[in-house]
Amino acid sequence: MIKSEAIKNILQDDSFTEALDQLVKTHLDMLINSDVDDKLAREICYMRITTINEIMAHLQSIADDKKINDNKWKI
């Protein structure tokens, strides 16, 4: 079972978030500096950035799951 508290701690780790931010920035730089004719390189950069964003969104949803369940019964 995935522990939402453990995922929350990972997302709050400055080193983890900084590493992923640098990874996105690297791919954005590659995208910006690619040749006009290099469609494949731009597509790969876009897919990698999208993948990172999807992973982060998924982890955030896991981390928020406990908060959502705790607040569900307070209504």
Protein backbone atom coordinates (compact mmCIF):
# COMPACT_ATOMS: atom_id res chain seq x y z
CA MET A 1 0.00 0.00 0.00
CA ILE A 2 1.24 3.47 -0.87
CA LYS A 3 1.60 5.69 2.17
CA SER A 4 0.41 9.20 1.38
CA GLU A 5 2.50 10.63 4.22
CA ALA A 6 5.70 9.20 2.73
CA ILE A 7 4.86 10.66 -0.69
CA LYS A 8 4.09 14.01 0.95
CA ASN A 9 7.54 13.98 2.58
CA ILE A 10 9.18 13.28 -0.78
CA LEU A 11 7.32 16.17 -2.41
CA GLN A 12 8.41 18.48 0.39
CA ASP A 13 12.07 17.50 -0.01
CA ASP A 14 13.85 20.51 -1.51
CA SER A 15 16.51 18.37 -3.18
CA PHE A 16 13.88 16.25 -4.95
CA THR A 17 11.88 19.22 -6.21
CA GLU A 18 15.02 21.08 -7.26
CA ALA A 19 16.29 18.05 -9.18
CA LEU A 20 13.01 17.74 -11.08
CA ASP A 21 12.90 21.48 -11.73
CA GLN A 22 16.42 21.30 -13.17
CA LEU A 23 15.40 18.35 -15.33
CA VAL A 24 12.45 20.30 -16.74
CA LYS A 25 14.67 23.35 -17.28
CA THR A 26 17.25 21.25 -19.13
CA HIS A 27 14.59 19.93 -21.48
CA LEU A 28 13.09 23.39 -21.98
CA ASP A 29 16.54 24.70 -22.90
CA MET A 30 16.97 21.82 -25.36
CA LEU A 31 13.55 22.62 -26.82
CA ILE A 32 14.30 26.33 -27.16
CA ASN A 33 17.73 25.76 -28.67
CA SER A 34 16.70 23.04 -31.11
CA ASP A 35 16.90 23.56 -34.85
CA VAL A 36 13.75 24.51 -36.68
CA ASP A 37 13.98 21.32 -38.72
CA ASP A 38 14.59 19.05 -35.70
CA LYS A 39 10.97 18.15 -35.02
CA LEU A 40 11.85 14.82 -33.39
CA ALA A 41 14.13 16.43 -30.77
CA ARG A 42 11.45 18.97 -29.85
CA GLU A 43 8.81 16.25 -29.62
CA ILE A 44 11.02 14.16 -27.32
CA CYS A 45 11.68 17.16 -25.05
CA TYR A 46 7.96 17.92 -24.92
CA MET A 47 7.10 14.32 -24.05
CA ARG A 48 9.71 14.24 -21.27
CA ILE A 49 8.48 17.48 -19.74
CA THR A 50 4.89 16.22 -19.93
CA THR A 51 5.90 12.95 -18.28
CA ILE A 52 7.61 14.75 -15.40
CA ASN A 53 4.53 16.94 -14.90
CA GLU A 54 2.24 13.91 -14.93
CA ILE A 55 4.40 12.07 -12.39
CA MET A 56 4.43 15.10 -10.09
CA ALA A 57 0.64 15.49 -10.42
CA HIS A 58 0.14 11.81 -9.62
CA LEU A 59 2.39 12.00 -6.57
CA GLN A 60 0.59 15.16 -5.41
CA SER A 61 -2.77 13.42 -5.73
CA ILE A 62 -1.50 10.55 -3.59
CA ALA A 63 -0.19 13.00 -0.99
CA ASP A 64 -3.51 14.88 -0.95
CA ASP A 65 -5.53 11.67 -0.61
CA LYS A 66 -5.15 11.58 3.17
CA LYS A 67 -6.11 15.25 3.50
CA ILE A 68 -9.18 14.69 1.32
CA ASN A 69 -10.25 11.62 3.31
CA ASP A 70 -9.72 13.42 6.63
CA ASN A 71 -11.86 16.37 5.52
CA LYS A 72 -14.55 14.21 3.92
CA TRP A 73 -16.14 13.44 7.27
CA LYS A 74 -16.08 17.01 8.56
CA ILE A 75 -18.89 18.17 6.29
